[in-house]
N, C-alpha and C. Protein backbone atom coordinates (compact mmCIF):
# COMPACT_ATOMS: atom_id res chain seq x y z
N MET A 1 57.62 41.78 44.48
CA MET A 1 57.00 40.48 44.48
C MET A 1 55.72 40.57 45.29
N GLY A 2 54.73 39.87 44.84
CA GLY A 2 53.50 39.81 45.60
C GLY A 2 52.39 39.17 44.81
N TRP A 3 51.31 38.83 45.51
CA TRP A 3 50.16 38.24 44.86
C TRP A 3 48.94 39.10 45.08
N LYS A 4 47.94 38.87 44.24
CA LYS A 4 46.65 39.54 44.36
C LYS A 4 45.58 38.55 43.90
N VAL A 5 44.47 38.50 44.63
CA VAL A 5 43.37 37.62 44.26
C VAL A 5 42.13 38.44 43.93
N GLU A 6 41.30 37.87 43.07
CA GLU A 6 40.00 38.44 42.73
C GLU A 6 38.95 37.45 43.19
N TYR A 7 37.84 38.01 43.71
CA TYR A 7 36.76 37.18 44.22
C TYR A 7 35.51 37.29 43.35
N SER A 8 34.64 36.31 43.46
CA SER A 8 33.42 36.25 42.66
C SER A 8 32.47 37.41 42.92
N ASP A 9 32.58 38.06 44.07
CA ASP A 9 31.71 39.20 44.37
C ASP A 9 32.30 40.53 43.90
N GLY A 10 33.43 40.48 43.16
CA GLY A 10 34.05 41.69 42.64
C GLY A 10 35.10 42.31 43.55
N SER A 11 35.24 41.81 44.76
CA SER A 11 36.26 42.32 45.67
C SER A 11 37.60 41.66 45.38
N SER A 12 38.65 42.18 46.02
CA SER A 12 39.99 41.62 45.82
C SER A 12 40.77 41.70 47.12
N LEU A 13 41.89 40.99 47.15
CA LEU A 13 42.79 40.99 48.29
C LEU A 13 44.21 40.95 47.77
N ALA A 14 45.03 41.88 48.23
CA ALA A 14 46.44 41.92 47.83
C ALA A 14 47.31 41.46 48.99
N GLN A 15 48.45 40.89 48.66
CA GLN A 15 49.38 40.47 49.70
C GLN A 15 49.86 41.67 50.51
N TYR A 16 50.19 42.76 49.80
CA TYR A 16 50.69 43.96 50.45
C TYR A 16 49.69 45.10 50.28
N ASN A 17 49.24 45.67 51.40
CA ASN A 17 48.28 46.76 51.38
C ASN A 17 48.99 48.11 51.35
N GLU A 18 48.28 49.13 50.89
CA GLU A 18 48.85 50.48 50.81
C GLU A 18 49.26 51.02 52.18
N ASP A 19 48.61 50.58 53.25
CA ASP A 19 48.93 51.05 54.60
C ASP A 19 50.12 50.32 55.22
N GLY A 20 50.74 49.40 54.44
CA GLY A 20 51.92 48.69 54.92
C GLY A 20 51.63 47.35 55.58
N THR A 21 50.36 47.03 55.78
CA THR A 21 50.02 45.73 56.37
C THR A 21 50.14 44.64 55.32
N VAL A 22 50.25 43.41 55.80
CA VAL A 22 50.46 42.27 54.91
C VAL A 22 49.38 41.23 55.15
N ASN A 23 48.80 40.72 54.07
CA ASN A 23 47.87 39.59 54.13
C ASN A 23 48.66 38.32 53.85
N THR A 24 48.29 37.26 54.53
CA THR A 24 48.99 36.00 54.32
C THR A 24 48.19 35.10 53.38
N TYR A 25 48.84 34.07 52.92
CA TYR A 25 48.21 33.09 52.05
C TYR A 25 46.96 32.50 52.70
N ARG A 26 46.99 32.35 54.00
CA ARG A 26 45.85 31.79 54.74
C ARG A 26 44.65 32.74 54.76
N ASP A 27 44.87 34.02 54.48
CA ASP A 27 43.78 34.99 54.47
C ASP A 27 42.90 34.89 53.22
N ILE A 28 43.33 34.13 52.23
CA ILE A 28 42.58 34.01 50.98
C ILE A 28 41.31 33.20 51.23
N ASP A 29 40.17 33.74 50.81
CA ASP A 29 38.88 33.06 50.92
C ASP A 29 38.70 32.15 49.71
N ARG A 30 38.94 30.87 49.90
CA ARG A 30 38.89 29.89 48.80
C ARG A 30 37.49 29.73 48.20
N GLU A 31 36.47 29.99 49.00
CA GLU A 31 35.09 29.81 48.53
C GLU A 31 34.71 30.82 47.45
N LYS A 32 35.29 32.01 47.48
CA LYS A 32 34.95 33.06 46.53
C LYS A 32 36.05 33.30 45.48
N LEU A 33 37.15 32.59 45.56
CA LEU A 33 38.33 32.83 44.72
C LEU A 33 38.05 32.52 43.25
N VAL A 34 38.31 33.50 42.36
CA VAL A 34 38.14 33.26 40.92
C VAL A 34 39.44 33.47 40.13
N SER A 35 40.41 34.21 40.69
CA SER A 35 41.71 34.31 40.02
C SER A 35 42.79 34.67 41.04
N PHE A 36 44.00 34.27 40.71
CA PHE A 36 45.18 34.51 41.54
C PHE A 36 46.28 35.00 40.62
N SER A 37 46.84 36.18 40.92
CA SER A 37 47.93 36.74 40.13
C SER A 37 49.18 36.85 40.98
N LEU A 38 50.30 36.44 40.43
CA LEU A 38 51.59 36.47 41.11
C LEU A 38 52.55 37.34 40.30
N SER A 39 53.12 38.35 40.94
CA SER A 39 54.10 39.22 40.29
C SER A 39 55.49 38.90 40.84
N VAL A 40 56.33 38.31 39.98
CA VAL A 40 57.71 37.97 40.34
C VAL A 40 58.60 38.13 39.13
N PHE A 41 59.87 38.41 39.37
CA PHE A 41 60.87 38.48 38.30
C PHE A 41 60.41 39.40 37.15
N ASN A 42 59.80 40.54 37.50
CA ASN A 42 59.35 41.55 36.53
C ASN A 42 58.26 41.07 35.59
N ASN A 43 57.50 40.04 35.98
CA ASN A 43 56.37 39.55 35.20
C ASN A 43 55.21 39.25 36.14
N THR A 44 54.01 39.20 35.57
CA THR A 44 52.83 38.81 36.33
C THR A 44 52.21 37.59 35.67
N TYR A 45 51.87 36.58 36.49
CA TYR A 45 51.28 35.34 36.03
C TYR A 45 49.93 35.19 36.72
N THR A 46 48.88 34.92 35.95
CA THR A 46 47.52 34.83 36.50
C THR A 46 46.92 33.47 36.21
N VAL A 47 46.28 32.89 37.23
CA VAL A 47 45.58 31.62 37.09
C VAL A 47 44.09 31.89 37.28
N SER A 48 43.29 31.45 36.32
CA SER A 48 41.84 31.53 36.41
C SER A 48 41.34 30.26 37.08
N LEU A 49 40.45 30.42 38.05
CA LEU A 49 40.05 29.28 38.87
C LEU A 49 38.56 28.97 38.74
N GLU A 50 38.07 28.90 37.51
CA GLU A 50 36.66 28.57 37.29
C GLU A 50 36.46 27.06 37.29
N ASP A 51 35.20 26.67 37.22
CA ASP A 51 34.82 25.26 37.05
C ASP A 51 35.39 24.32 38.11
N GLY A 52 35.43 24.74 39.36
CA GLY A 52 35.87 23.85 40.42
C GLY A 52 37.38 23.67 40.56
N ARG A 53 38.14 24.50 39.87
CA ARG A 53 39.60 24.41 40.01
C ARG A 53 40.03 24.97 41.36
N ARG A 54 41.05 24.34 41.94
CA ARG A 54 41.60 24.77 43.23
C ARG A 54 43.03 25.27 43.02
N LEU A 55 43.36 26.30 43.74
CA LEU A 55 44.66 26.97 43.61
C LEU A 55 45.81 26.10 44.09
N ILE A 56 46.90 26.11 43.31
CA ILE A 56 48.19 25.58 43.74
C ILE A 56 49.15 26.76 43.73
N TYR A 57 49.75 27.05 44.88
CA TYR A 57 50.76 28.12 44.96
C TYR A 57 51.74 27.76 46.06
N ARG A 58 53.00 27.69 45.70
CA ARG A 58 54.07 27.41 46.66
C ARG A 58 55.32 28.16 46.24
N GLN A 59 56.14 28.49 47.21
CA GLN A 59 57.46 29.06 46.95
C GLN A 59 58.48 28.09 47.54
N ARG A 60 59.48 27.75 46.76
CA ARG A 60 60.53 26.85 47.22
C ARG A 60 61.87 27.55 47.07
N VAL A 61 62.76 27.33 48.03
CA VAL A 61 64.08 27.97 48.02
C VAL A 61 65.14 26.89 48.16
N LYS A 62 66.13 26.95 47.28
CA LYS A 62 67.28 26.05 47.35
C LYS A 62 68.44 26.85 47.94
N VAL A 63 68.95 26.38 49.06
CA VAL A 63 70.05 27.04 49.73
C VAL A 63 71.29 26.17 49.57
N SER A 64 72.34 26.75 48.99
CA SER A 64 73.61 26.05 48.80
C SER A 64 74.73 26.89 49.39
N PRO A 65 75.60 26.30 50.22
CA PRO A 65 76.69 27.06 50.83
C PRO A 65 77.53 27.78 49.76
N GLY A 66 77.78 29.06 49.99
CA GLY A 66 78.63 29.83 49.09
C GLY A 66 77.96 30.28 47.80
N LYS A 67 76.67 29.98 47.64
CA LYS A 67 75.94 30.37 46.43
C LYS A 67 74.70 31.17 46.81
N PRO A 68 74.24 32.03 45.90
CA PRO A 68 72.98 32.74 46.21
C PRO A 68 71.80 31.77 46.26
N ASP A 69 70.82 32.08 47.09
CA ASP A 69 69.63 31.25 47.16
C ASP A 69 68.93 31.24 45.80
N GLU A 70 68.38 30.10 45.42
CA GLU A 70 67.60 29.97 44.20
C GLU A 70 66.13 29.81 44.60
N VAL A 71 65.27 30.64 44.00
CA VAL A 71 63.85 30.61 44.33
C VAL A 71 63.07 30.10 43.12
N ILE A 72 62.09 29.26 43.38
CA ILE A 72 61.18 28.80 42.34
C ILE A 72 59.76 28.88 42.90
N TYR A 73 58.84 29.31 42.06
CA TYR A 73 57.43 29.41 42.43
C TYR A 73 56.65 28.36 41.66
N LEU A 74 55.73 27.70 42.33
CA LEU A 74 54.81 26.77 41.69
C LEU A 74 53.45 27.44 41.69
N LEU A 75 52.87 27.60 40.51
CA LEU A 75 51.60 28.29 40.39
C LEU A 75 50.71 27.54 39.41
N GLY A 76 49.51 27.21 39.82
CA GLY A 76 48.62 26.51 38.92
C GLY A 76 47.31 26.15 39.60
N TRP A 77 46.72 25.08 39.10
CA TRP A 77 45.43 24.64 39.63
C TRP A 77 45.35 23.11 39.63
N GLN A 78 44.40 22.63 40.41
CA GLN A 78 44.10 21.20 40.41
C GLN A 78 42.59 21.04 40.45
N LYS A 79 42.12 19.93 39.93
CA LYS A 79 40.69 19.66 39.87
C LYS A 79 40.50 18.15 39.84
N THR A 80 39.47 17.70 40.51
CA THR A 80 39.13 16.28 40.46
C THR A 80 38.11 16.07 39.35
N VAL A 81 38.46 15.23 38.37
CA VAL A 81 37.59 14.92 37.25
C VAL A 81 37.36 13.42 37.21
N ARG A 82 36.13 13.00 37.41
CA ARG A 82 35.78 11.58 37.43
C ARG A 82 36.72 10.78 38.35
N GLY A 83 36.98 11.34 39.53
CA GLY A 83 37.81 10.65 40.51
C GLY A 83 39.31 10.79 40.31
N GLU A 84 39.73 11.46 39.23
CA GLU A 84 41.16 11.62 38.96
C GLU A 84 41.62 13.04 39.29
N ASN A 85 42.78 13.15 39.93
CA ASN A 85 43.37 14.44 40.28
C ASN A 85 44.12 14.99 39.06
N ILE A 86 43.61 16.07 38.48
CA ILE A 86 44.23 16.72 37.32
C ILE A 86 44.93 17.98 37.82
N GLN A 87 46.16 18.21 37.38
CA GLN A 87 46.91 19.40 37.78
C GLN A 87 47.57 20.05 36.58
N SER A 88 47.64 21.37 36.64
CA SER A 88 48.41 22.15 35.67
C SER A 88 49.22 23.16 36.48
N ILE A 89 50.53 23.10 36.35
CA ILE A 89 51.41 23.91 37.19
C ILE A 89 52.45 24.62 36.33
N LEU A 90 52.67 25.91 36.64
CA LEU A 90 53.81 26.64 36.10
C LEU A 90 54.92 26.59 37.14
N PHE A 91 56.13 26.26 36.70
CA PHE A 91 57.31 26.30 37.54
C PHE A 91 58.08 27.54 37.11
N ILE A 92 58.09 28.56 37.96
CA ILE A 92 58.61 29.88 37.60
C ILE A 92 59.92 30.13 38.35
N SER A 93 60.99 30.33 37.60
CA SER A 93 62.27 30.71 38.20
C SER A 93 62.76 31.99 37.54
N LYS A 94 63.87 32.49 38.00
CA LYS A 94 64.43 33.72 37.45
C LYS A 94 64.74 33.57 35.96
N ASP A 95 65.14 32.39 35.54
CA ASP A 95 65.62 32.18 34.18
C ASP A 95 64.62 31.55 33.22
N GLU A 96 63.56 30.90 33.75
CA GLU A 96 62.63 30.23 32.85
C GLU A 96 61.28 29.98 33.51
N VAL A 97 60.30 29.71 32.65
CA VAL A 97 58.97 29.32 33.10
C VAL A 97 58.62 28.05 32.34
N ILE A 98 58.24 27.02 33.10
CA ILE A 98 57.91 25.73 32.50
C ILE A 98 56.49 25.38 32.89
N SER A 99 55.68 25.02 31.91
CA SER A 99 54.33 24.53 32.17
C SER A 99 54.38 23.01 32.20
N ALA A 100 53.88 22.43 33.28
CA ALA A 100 53.97 20.98 33.42
C ALA A 100 52.75 20.44 34.14
N GLY A 101 52.75 19.16 34.36
CA GLY A 101 51.68 18.50 35.09
C GLY A 101 52.01 18.46 36.56
N ARG A 102 51.90 17.30 37.15
CA ARG A 102 52.07 17.15 38.59
C ARG A 102 53.50 17.32 39.06
N TRP A 103 53.62 17.85 40.27
CA TRP A 103 54.89 17.91 40.98
C TRP A 103 55.34 16.48 41.21
N GLY A 104 56.63 16.21 40.98
CA GLY A 104 57.18 14.89 41.25
C GLY A 104 56.97 13.89 40.13
N GLN A 105 56.43 14.35 38.99
CA GLN A 105 56.21 13.45 37.87
C GLN A 105 56.91 14.01 36.63
N GLY A 106 57.19 13.15 35.69
CA GLY A 106 57.80 13.61 34.44
C GLY A 106 59.15 14.27 34.68
N MET A 107 59.33 15.43 34.04
CA MET A 107 60.63 16.11 34.14
C MET A 107 60.92 16.63 35.54
N PHE A 108 59.94 16.65 36.44
CA PHE A 108 60.17 17.14 37.79
C PHE A 108 60.31 16.03 38.82
N SER A 109 60.67 14.84 38.36
CA SER A 109 60.91 13.75 39.30
C SER A 109 62.40 13.55 39.55
N ALA A 110 63.24 14.35 38.89
CA ALA A 110 64.70 14.21 39.06
C ALA A 110 65.10 14.63 40.47
N PRO A 111 66.00 13.91 41.11
CA PRO A 111 66.40 14.24 42.49
C PRO A 111 66.92 15.66 42.66
N SER A 112 67.58 16.22 41.66
CA SER A 112 68.13 17.57 41.84
C SER A 112 67.04 18.60 42.08
N PHE A 113 65.86 18.38 41.51
CA PHE A 113 64.77 19.34 41.70
C PHE A 113 64.23 19.27 43.11
N PHE A 114 64.33 18.12 43.76
CA PHE A 114 63.80 17.97 45.11
C PHE A 114 64.70 18.61 46.17
N GLU A 115 65.79 19.23 45.75
CA GLU A 115 66.61 19.98 46.70
C GLU A 115 65.88 21.24 47.16
N TYR A 116 64.83 21.63 46.42
CA TYR A 116 64.03 22.79 46.80
C TYR A 116 63.11 22.41 47.95
N GLU A 117 63.06 23.27 48.96
CA GLU A 117 62.19 23.01 50.11
C GLU A 117 61.38 24.23 50.43
């Protein structure tokens, strides 16, 4: 598992470096960011961040006593268009990938989904 970003100047930053050091999410330079790739569950998902799009990336874990932890990744972008917040998010789990709009709206407003923190 890990992420990698590409910058407008042709440079890149990976979460895990060859020397064993780790870059954090906060190390990402948002001013130069043009793409973000996330490798999880044997797949890689890439978001292109052109035209003023801003990165959305979160990891949520559902912990239930006596059950394995369930992990879900939120990956996408947001942009303000004529004063309106537009979002496109992939909800990535071990078993499925769902493309949706905003967190907490539509199919993701059900209380069971909010068990993820």
